[in-house]
């Protein structure tokens, strides 16, 4: 499901290779989803779950995803859990467990959104610093690096 958020050709590639060196994105997504899902089933340990999320979200933060697209895979865990457990959840006790599970998934989605936001901020900071370096290099070439480099060029 998560890999389905990528273009069809890309998703197919990610699904095929399990080798972390030949297919690092597919491997990271697979390991991350397993870690998050295990964390949900074993009780939320925010530090561990955020560690798994961080690796996946960093990849998605530099790709062409909106914030909602980047973290939507977390919400798909609700659907996956229900599909895996089938019809085993119809009674009231199970219903309360599903409500708790859904609440935990929602909390994980919020963690993912926070991580995505931090990663995008880092990407933008890197871009800004790159632009500053480029402008500085252009200014240095244009005006030279001598003592008068801080002074504006003479107006005619």
N, C-alpha and C. Protein backbone atom coordinates (compact mmCIF):
# COMPACT_ATOMS: atom_id res chain seq x y z
N UNK A 1 0.82 -1.20 0.00
CA UNK A 1 0.00 0.00 0.00
C UNK A 1 0.87 1.26 0.00
N UNK A 2 1.88 1.32 0.86
CA UNK A 2 2.73 2.50 0.95
C UNK A 2 3.47 2.73 -0.35
N UNK A 3 3.99 1.66 -0.92
CA UNK A 3 4.72 1.80 -2.16
C UNK A 3 3.80 2.19 -3.31
N UNK A 4 2.51 1.98 -3.14
CA UNK A 4 1.55 2.38 -4.15
C UNK A 4 1.42 3.88 -4.29
N UNK A 5 1.96 4.64 -3.34
CA UNK A 5 1.91 6.10 -3.44
C UNK A 5 2.95 6.62 -4.43
N UNK A 6 3.84 5.76 -4.86
CA UNK A 6 4.83 6.14 -5.87
C UNK A 6 4.28 5.84 -7.25
N UNK A 7 4.94 6.40 -8.27
CA UNK A 7 4.56 6.10 -9.64
C UNK A 7 4.64 4.59 -9.85
N UNK A 8 3.84 4.08 -10.78
CA UNK A 8 3.73 2.62 -10.97
C UNK A 8 5.07 1.95 -11.22
N UNK A 9 5.89 2.52 -12.08
CA UNK A 9 7.19 1.92 -12.39
C UNK A 9 8.09 1.93 -11.16
N UNK A 10 8.09 3.05 -10.45
CA UNK A 10 8.91 3.17 -9.25
C UNK A 10 8.44 2.20 -8.18
N UNK A 11 7.15 2.12 -7.96
CA UNK A 11 6.60 1.20 -6.96
C UNK A 11 6.95 -0.24 -7.29
N UNK A 12 6.87 -0.60 -8.56
CA UNK A 12 7.22 -1.96 -8.98
C UNK A 12 8.67 -2.26 -8.65
N UNK A 13 9.55 -1.31 -8.93
CA UNK A 13 10.97 -1.49 -8.62
C UNK A 13 11.18 -1.66 -7.12
N UNK A 14 10.54 -0.79 -6.33
CA UNK A 14 10.71 -0.86 -4.88
C UNK A 14 10.21 -2.18 -4.33
N UNK A 15 9.13 -2.72 -4.90
CA UNK A 15 8.57 -3.98 -4.41
C UNK A 15 9.43 -5.18 -4.77
N UNK A 16 10.15 -5.10 -5.88
CA UNK A 16 10.92 -6.24 -6.37
C UNK A 16 12.16 -6.51 -5.54
N UNK A 17 12.92 -5.49 -5.25
CA UNK A 17 14.20 -5.71 -4.59
C UNK A 17 14.11 -5.57 -3.09
N UNK A 18 14.56 -6.57 -2.40
CA UNK A 18 14.56 -6.51 -0.93
C UNK A 18 15.97 -6.18 -0.41
N UNK A 19 16.94 -6.18 -1.31
CA UNK A 19 18.32 -5.92 -0.94
C UNK A 19 18.49 -4.45 -0.58
N UNK A 20 19.03 -4.18 0.58
CA UNK A 20 19.13 -2.78 1.02
C UNK A 20 20.13 -1.97 0.22
N UNK A 21 21.03 -2.63 -0.48
CA UNK A 21 22.01 -1.90 -1.29
C UNK A 21 21.49 -1.69 -2.71
N UNK A 22 20.82 -2.68 -3.28
CA UNK A 22 20.28 -2.56 -4.63
C UNK A 22 19.00 -1.72 -4.64
N UNK A 23 18.27 -1.72 -3.53
CA UNK A 23 16.99 -1.02 -3.45
C UNK A 23 16.85 -0.39 -2.06
N UNK A 24 17.62 0.64 -1.77
CA UNK A 24 17.58 1.21 -0.42
C UNK A 24 16.24 1.81 -0.02
N UNK A 25 15.52 2.41 -0.96
CA UNK A 25 14.22 3.01 -0.61
C UNK A 25 13.21 1.93 -0.28
N UNK A 26 13.11 0.91 -1.13
CA UNK A 26 12.18 -0.18 -0.86
C UNK A 26 12.49 -0.87 0.46
N UNK A 27 13.77 -1.09 0.71
CA UNK A 27 14.19 -1.73 1.96
C UNK A 27 13.82 -0.86 3.17
N UNK A 28 14.10 0.44 3.06
CA UNK A 28 13.80 1.36 4.16
C UNK A 28 12.31 1.41 4.44
N UNK A 29 11.51 1.48 3.40
CA UNK A 29 10.05 1.53 3.58
C UNK A 29 9.56 0.24 4.21
N UNK A 30 10.02 -0.89 3.70
CA UNK A 30 9.57 -2.18 4.25
C UNK A 30 9.95 -2.31 5.73
N UNK A 31 11.19 -2.02 6.05
CA UNK A 31 11.65 -2.13 7.44
C UNK A 31 10.92 -1.12 8.34
N UNK A 32 10.72 0.08 7.81
CA UNK A 32 10.05 1.12 8.60
C UNK A 32 8.61 0.77 8.91
N UNK A 33 7.89 0.30 7.90
CA UNK A 33 6.49 -0.09 8.11
C UNK A 33 6.40 -1.22 9.12
N UNK A 34 7.27 -2.21 8.98
CA UNK A 34 7.27 -3.32 9.94
C UNK A 34 7.53 -2.81 11.35
N UNK A 35 8.50 -1.91 11.49
CA UNK A 35 8.82 -1.36 12.81
C UNK A 35 7.69 -0.57 13.41
N UNK A 36 7.04 0.25 12.59
CA UNK A 36 5.90 1.04 13.08
C UNK A 36 4.75 0.12 13.46
N UNK A 37 4.44 -0.84 12.61
CA UNK A 37 3.33 -1.75 12.88
C UNK A 37 3.60 -2.56 14.15
N UNK A 38 4.83 -3.07 14.28
CA UNK A 38 5.19 -3.81 15.50
C UNK A 38 5.06 -2.92 16.73
N UNK A 39 5.47 -1.66 16.58
CA UNK A 39 5.35 -0.71 17.68
C UNK A 39 3.91 -0.46 18.07
N UNK A 40 3.03 -0.40 17.09
CA UNK A 40 1.61 -0.22 17.38
C UNK A 40 1.04 -1.42 18.11
N UNK A 41 1.43 -2.60 17.69
CA UNK A 41 0.90 -3.82 18.31
C UNK A 41 1.47 -4.04 19.70
N UNK A 42 2.69 -3.56 19.91
CA UNK A 42 3.34 -3.77 21.20
C UNK A 42 3.18 -2.61 22.16
N UNK A 43 2.41 -1.63 21.81
CA UNK A 43 2.27 -0.43 22.64
C UNK A 43 3.22 0.64 22.13
N UNK A 44 2.73 1.83 22.03
CA UNK A 44 3.52 2.90 21.43
C UNK A 44 4.67 3.31 22.33
N UNK A 45 5.86 3.19 21.77
CA UNK A 45 7.06 3.79 22.35
C UNK A 45 7.44 4.88 21.35
N UNK A 46 7.07 6.13 21.66
CA UNK A 46 7.27 7.21 20.68
C UNK A 46 8.69 7.29 20.11
N UNK A 47 9.67 7.06 20.93
CA UNK A 47 11.06 7.16 20.47
C UNK A 47 11.37 6.11 19.40
N UNK A 48 10.95 4.89 19.64
CA UNK A 48 11.20 3.82 18.67
C UNK A 48 10.40 4.03 17.38
N UNK A 49 9.13 4.35 17.54
CA UNK A 49 8.29 4.55 16.37
C UNK A 49 8.80 5.73 15.55
N UNK A 50 9.18 6.81 16.22
CA UNK A 50 9.70 7.97 15.49
C UNK A 50 11.01 7.64 14.78
N UNK A 51 11.80 6.75 15.34
CA UNK A 51 13.01 6.31 14.66
C UNK A 51 12.70 5.62 13.34
N UNK A 52 11.69 4.75 13.35
CA UNK A 52 11.28 4.07 12.12
C UNK A 52 10.66 5.06 11.13
N UNK A 53 9.84 5.95 11.66
CA UNK A 53 9.20 6.95 10.79
C UNK A 53 10.22 7.88 10.16
N UNK A 54 11.21 8.27 10.94
CA UNK A 54 12.20 9.24 10.49
C UNK A 54 12.88 8.80 9.19
N UNK A 55 13.26 7.55 9.14
CA UNK A 55 13.95 7.05 7.95
C UNK A 55 13.05 7.13 6.72
N UNK A 56 11.79 6.76 6.87
CA UNK A 56 10.87 6.79 5.73
C UNK A 56 10.49 8.22 5.35
N UNK A 57 10.23 9.05 6.34
CA UNK A 57 9.79 10.41 6.09
C UNK A 57 10.91 11.24 5.46
N UNK A 58 12.16 11.01 5.86
CA UNK A 58 13.28 11.74 5.25
C UNK A 58 13.30 11.52 3.74
N UNK A 59 13.05 10.31 3.33
CA UNK A 59 13.03 9.99 1.89
C UNK A 59 11.88 10.74 1.22
N UNK A 60 10.71 10.69 1.84
CA UNK A 60 9.53 11.29 1.24
C UNK A 60 9.58 12.81 1.27
N UNK A 61 10.32 13.39 2.21
CA UNK A 61 10.42 14.84 2.33
C UNK A 61 11.21 15.46 1.19
N UNK A 62 12.10 14.70 0.58
CA UNK A 62 12.89 15.24 -0.53
C UNK A 62 12.29 14.86 -1.88
N UNK A 63 11.23 14.10 -1.85
CA UNK A 63 10.55 13.71 -3.07
C UNK A 63 9.38 14.66 -3.32
N UNK A 64 8.70 14.48 -4.39
CA UNK A 64 7.65 15.40 -4.80
C UNK A 64 6.30 15.01 -4.20
N UNK A 65 6.23 14.99 -2.86
CA UNK A 65 5.00 14.67 -2.14
C UNK A 65 4.55 15.89 -1.36
N UNK A 66 3.25 16.09 -1.30
CA UNK A 66 2.71 17.09 -0.37
C UNK A 66 2.82 16.49 1.04
N UNK A 67 2.60 17.30 2.04
CA UNK A 67 2.66 16.81 3.42
C UNK A 67 1.66 15.68 3.64
N UNK A 68 0.45 15.85 3.15
CA UNK A 68 -0.57 14.82 3.36
C UNK A 68 -0.20 13.52 2.63
N UNK A 69 0.35 13.64 1.43
CA UNK A 69 0.77 12.44 0.69
C UNK A 69 1.94 11.75 1.38
N UNK A 70 2.83 12.53 1.94
CA UNK A 70 4.03 11.97 2.57
C UNK A 70 3.71 11.15 3.81
N UNK A 71 2.67 11.52 4.54
CA UNK A 71 2.36 10.82 5.79
C UNK A 71 1.12 9.94 5.71
N UNK A 72 0.42 9.96 4.58
CA UNK A 72 -0.83 9.19 4.44
C UNK A 72 -0.63 7.69 4.65
N UNK A 73 0.58 7.20 4.35
CA UNK A 73 0.81 5.76 4.50
C UNK A 73 0.57 5.30 5.93
N UNK A 74 0.75 6.18 6.89
CA UNK A 74 0.52 5.81 8.30
C UNK A 74 -0.95 5.46 8.50
N UNK A 75 -1.82 6.26 7.94
CA UNK A 75 -3.26 6.02 8.10
C UNK A 75 -3.69 4.75 7.39
N UNK A 76 -2.95 4.33 6.38
CA UNK A 76 -3.26 3.07 5.69
C UNK A 76 -3.06 1.86 6.61
N UNK A 77 -2.33 2.04 7.69
CA UNK A 77 -2.12 0.94 8.63
C UNK A 77 -3.45 0.46 9.24
N UNK A 78 -4.41 1.34 9.37
CA UNK A 78 -5.74 0.95 9.87
C UNK A 78 -6.36 -0.06 8.92
N UNK A 79 -6.33 0.27 7.63
CA UNK A 79 -6.91 -0.61 6.61
C UNK A 79 -6.16 -1.94 6.56
N UNK A 80 -4.85 -1.87 6.59
CA UNK A 80 -4.03 -3.09 6.52
C UNK A 80 -4.33 -4.00 7.71
N UNK A 81 -4.42 -3.44 8.90
CA UNK A 81 -4.70 -4.24 10.09
C UNK A 81 -6.06 -4.93 9.98
N UNK A 82 -7.05 -4.21 9.50
CA UNK A 82 -8.39 -4.80 9.37
C UNK A 82 -8.41 -5.89 8.30
N UNK A 83 -7.68 -5.66 7.21
CA UNK A 83 -7.61 -6.70 6.17
C UNK A 83 -6.90 -7.94 6.67
N UNK A 84 -5.84 -7.77 7.42
CA UNK A 84 -5.07 -8.92 7.93
C UNK A 84 -5.85 -9.72 8.96
N UNK A 85 -6.65 -9.02 9.78
CA UNK A 85 -7.41 -9.70 10.81
C UNK A 85 -8.79 -10.13 10.34
N UNK A 86 -9.14 -9.72 9.13
CA UNK A 86 -10.42 -10.14 8.54
C UNK A 86 -11.61 -9.75 9.39
N UNK A 87 -12.54 -10.67 9.54
CA UNK A 87 -13.78 -10.41 10.28
C UNK A 87 -13.64 -10.61 11.77
N UNK A 88 -12.42 -10.75 12.26
CA UNK A 88 -12.21 -11.01 13.69
C UNK A 88 -12.27 -9.73 14.50
N UNK A 89 -13.36 -9.09 14.60
CA UNK A 89 -13.40 -7.85 15.35
C UNK A 89 -14.79 -7.28 15.42
N UNK A 90 -15.75 -8.12 15.50
CA UNK A 90 -17.13 -7.66 15.44
C UNK A 90 -17.74 -7.41 16.83
N UNK A 91 -17.24 -8.03 17.88
CA UNK A 91 -17.87 -7.85 19.19
C UNK A 91 -17.44 -6.54 19.86
N UNK A 92 -18.11 -6.19 20.95
CA UNK A 92 -17.89 -4.91 21.63
C UNK A 92 -16.47 -4.78 22.17
N UNK A 93 -15.92 -5.87 22.73
CA UNK A 93 -14.56 -5.81 23.27
C UNK A 93 -13.57 -5.52 22.15
N UNK A 94 -13.77 -6.18 21.03
CA UNK A 94 -12.89 -5.94 19.88
C UNK A 94 -13.06 -4.52 19.36
N UNK A 95 -14.30 -4.03 19.41
CA UNK A 95 -14.58 -2.69 18.94
C UNK A 95 -13.79 -1.66 19.75
N UNK A 96 -13.74 -1.85 21.06
CA UNK A 96 -12.96 -0.96 21.93
C UNK A 96 -11.47 -1.05 21.59
N UNK A 97 -11.00 -2.25 21.26
CA UNK A 97 -9.60 -2.42 20.87
C UNK A 97 -9.32 -1.70 19.55
N UNK A 98 -10.28 -1.75 18.62
CA UNK A 98 -10.09 -1.05 17.35
C UNK A 98 -10.04 0.45 17.55
N UNK A 99 -10.89 0.96 18.44
CA UNK A 99 -10.88 2.40 18.73
C UNK A 99 -9.51 2.79 19.29
N UNK A 100 -8.98 1.99 20.19
CA UNK A 100 -7.66 2.27 20.77
C UNK A 100 -6.57 2.18 19.70
N UNK A 101 -6.66 1.16 18.86
CA UNK A 101 -5.68 1.01 17.78
C UNK A 101 -5.73 2.21 16.84
N UNK A 102 -6.94 2.61 16.45
CA UNK A 102 -7.10 3.77 15.55
C UNK A 102 -6.54 5.03 16.18
N UNK A 103 -6.75 5.21 17.47
CA UNK A 103 -6.21 6.37 18.18
C UNK A 103 -4.69 6.36 18.15
N UNK A 104 -4.10 5.18 18.35
CA UNK A 104 -2.64 5.06 18.29
C UNK A 104 -2.11 5.36 16.89
N UNK A 105 -2.79 4.87 15.88
CA UNK A 105 -2.38 5.15 14.49
C UNK A 105 -2.46 6.66 14.23
N UNK A 106 -3.51 7.29 14.70
CA UNK A 106 -3.64 8.74 14.54
C UNK A 106 -2.47 9.46 15.22
N UNK A 107 -2.07 9.00 16.39
CA UNK A 107 -0.94 9.61 17.10
C UNK A 107 0.35 9.43 16.29
N UNK A 108 0.53 8.26 15.71
CA UNK A 108 1.71 8.00 14.88
C UNK A 108 1.68 8.91 13.65
N UNK A 109 0.51 9.14 13.09
CA UNK A 109 0.39 10.04 11.93
C UNK A 109 0.82 11.46 12.32
N UNK A 110 0.47 11.87 13.52
CA UNK A 110 0.91 13.19 13.99
C UNK A 110 2.42 13.24 14.17
N UNK A 111 3.01 12.16 14.71
CA UNK A 111 4.47 12.08 14.80
C UNK A 111 5.08 12.22 13.41
N UNK A 112 4.50 11.51 12.44
CA UNK A 112 5.02 11.53 11.07
C UNK A 112 4.94 12.94 10.49
N UNK A 113 3.85 13.63 10.75
CA UNK A 113 3.70 14.98 10.24
C UNK A 113 4.75 15.91 10.85
N UNK A 114 5.00 15.77 12.16
CA UNK A 114 6.05 16.58 12.81
C UNK A 114 7.41 16.31 12.19
N UNK A 115 7.70 15.05 11.95
CA UNK A 115 8.99 14.67 11.35
C UNK A 115 9.09 15.24 9.94
N UNK A 116 8.01 15.12 9.17
CA UNK A 116 8.00 15.65 7.81
C UNK A 116 8.28 17.15 7.83
N UNK A 117 7.63 17.86 8.73
CA UNK A 117 7.80 19.31 8.82
C UNK A 117 9.26 19.66 9.13
N UNK A 118 9.86 18.96 10.09
CA UNK A 118 11.28 19.22 10.42
C UNK A 118 12.18 18.92 9.22
N UNK A 119 11.92 17.83 8.53
CA UNK A 119 12.74 17.47 7.37
C UNK A 119 12.61 18.51 6.26
N UNK A 120 11.40 18.97 6.00
CA UNK A 120 11.21 19.99 4.96
C UNK A 120 11.90 21.29 5.35
N UNK A 121 11.87 21.64 6.62
CA UNK A 121 12.58 22.84 7.08
C UNK A 121 14.08 22.69 6.81
N UNK A 122 14.62 21.51 7.06
CA UNK A 122 16.04 21.27 6.78
C UNK A 122 16.33 21.39 5.29
N UNK A 123 15.45 20.84 4.46
CA UNK A 123 15.64 20.93 3.01
C UNK A 123 15.65 22.40 2.58
N UNK A 124 14.71 23.19 3.08
CA UNK A 124 14.64 24.60 2.71
C UNK A 124 15.86 25.37 3.22
N UNK A 125 16.32 25.06 4.42
CA UNK A 125 17.53 25.70 4.95
C UNK A 125 18.73 25.39 4.06
N UNK A 126 18.84 24.14 3.63
CA UNK A 126 19.95 23.77 2.73
C UNK A 126 19.86 24.54 1.41
N UNK A 127 18.66 24.67 0.89
CA UNK A 127 18.47 25.42 -0.37
C UNK A 127 18.83 26.89 -0.18
N UNK A 128 18.40 27.48 0.92
CA UNK A 128 18.71 28.88 1.19
C UNK A 128 20.21 29.08 1.33
N UNK A 129 20.86 28.19 2.07
CA UNK A 129 22.31 28.30 2.23
C UNK A 129 23.03 28.15 0.90
N UNK A 130 22.53 27.28 0.05
CA UNK A 130 23.13 27.09 -1.28
C UNK A 130 22.98 28.37 -2.11
N UNK A 131 21.81 28.97 -2.07
CA UNK A 131 21.60 30.21 -2.81
C UNK A 131 22.51 31.30 -2.26
N UNK A 132 22.64 31.40 -0.94
CA UNK A 132 23.52 32.41 -0.35
C UNK A 132 24.96 32.21 -0.81
N UNK A 133 25.42 30.95 -0.83
CA UNK A 133 26.79 30.68 -1.29
C UNK A 133 26.96 31.07 -2.74
N UNK A 134 25.97 30.74 -3.56
CA UNK A 134 26.06 31.08 -4.98
C UNK A 134 26.06 32.59 -5.19
N UNK A 135 25.21 33.32 -4.49
CA UNK A 135 25.17 34.78 -4.61
C UNK A 135 26.48 35.37 -4.13
N UNK A 136 27.00 34.85 -3.03
CA UNK A 136 28.27 35.33 -2.50
C UNK A 136 29.40 35.12 -3.51
N UNK A 137 29.43 33.96 -4.13
CA UNK A 137 30.46 33.66 -5.12
C UNK A 137 30.32 34.58 -6.33
N UNK A 138 29.10 34.85 -6.76
CA UNK A 138 28.86 35.75 -7.89
C UNK A 138 29.30 37.16 -7.53
N UNK A 139 28.93 37.59 -6.35
CA UNK A 139 29.32 38.94 -5.91
C UNK A 139 30.83 39.07 -5.82
N UNK A 140 31.48 38.05 -5.33
CA UNK A 140 32.94 38.08 -5.22
C UNK A 140 33.58 38.16 -6.59
N UNK A 141 33.07 37.39 -7.54
CA UNK A 141 33.61 37.45 -8.91
C UNK A 141 33.33 38.80 -9.55
N UNK A 142 32.17 39.33 -9.29
CA UNK A 142 31.76 40.59 -9.89
C UNK A 142 32.54 41.77 -9.34
N UNK A 143 32.70 41.81 -8.03
CA UNK A 143 33.33 42.96 -7.39
C UNK A 143 34.74 42.69 -6.89
N UNK A 144 35.19 41.45 -7.01
CA UNK A 144 36.53 41.11 -6.55
C UNK A 144 36.55 40.86 -5.06
N UNK A 145 37.64 40.35 -4.60
CA UNK A 145 37.74 40.02 -3.18
C UNK A 145 38.69 40.95 -2.46
N UNK A 146 38.99 42.08 -3.06
CA UNK A 146 39.92 43.04 -2.46
C UNK A 146 39.27 43.80 -1.33
N UNK A 147 39.97 44.79 -0.82
CA UNK A 147 39.50 45.59 0.30
C UNK A 147 38.25 46.38 -0.04
N UNK A 148 38.09 46.70 -1.32
CA UNK A 148 36.92 47.48 -1.73
C UNK A 148 35.71 46.62 -2.05
N UNK A 149 35.80 45.32 -1.79
CA UNK A 149 34.71 44.42 -2.17
C UNK A 149 33.42 44.71 -1.42
N UNK A 150 33.52 45.31 -0.24
CA UNK A 150 32.32 45.63 0.52
C UNK A 150 31.65 46.89 -0.01
N UNK A 151 32.40 47.69 -0.74
CA UNK A 151 31.85 48.94 -1.26
C UNK A 151 31.10 48.66 -2.55
N UNK A 152 30.07 49.40 -2.76
CA UNK A 152 29.27 49.26 -3.98
C UNK A 152 30.07 49.84 -5.14
N UNK A 153 29.82 49.40 -6.35
CA UNK A 153 30.53 49.96 -7.50
C UNK A 153 30.13 51.42 -7.71
N UNK A 154 31.04 52.17 -8.26
CA UNK A 154 30.78 53.59 -8.50
C UNK A 154 29.66 53.76 -9.51
N UNK A 155 28.78 54.69 -9.24
CA UNK A 155 27.68 54.99 -10.16
C UNK A 155 28.15 55.99 -11.20
N UNK A 156 27.80 55.82 -12.43
CA UNK A 156 28.18 56.76 -13.50
C UNK A 156 27.23 57.91 -13.58
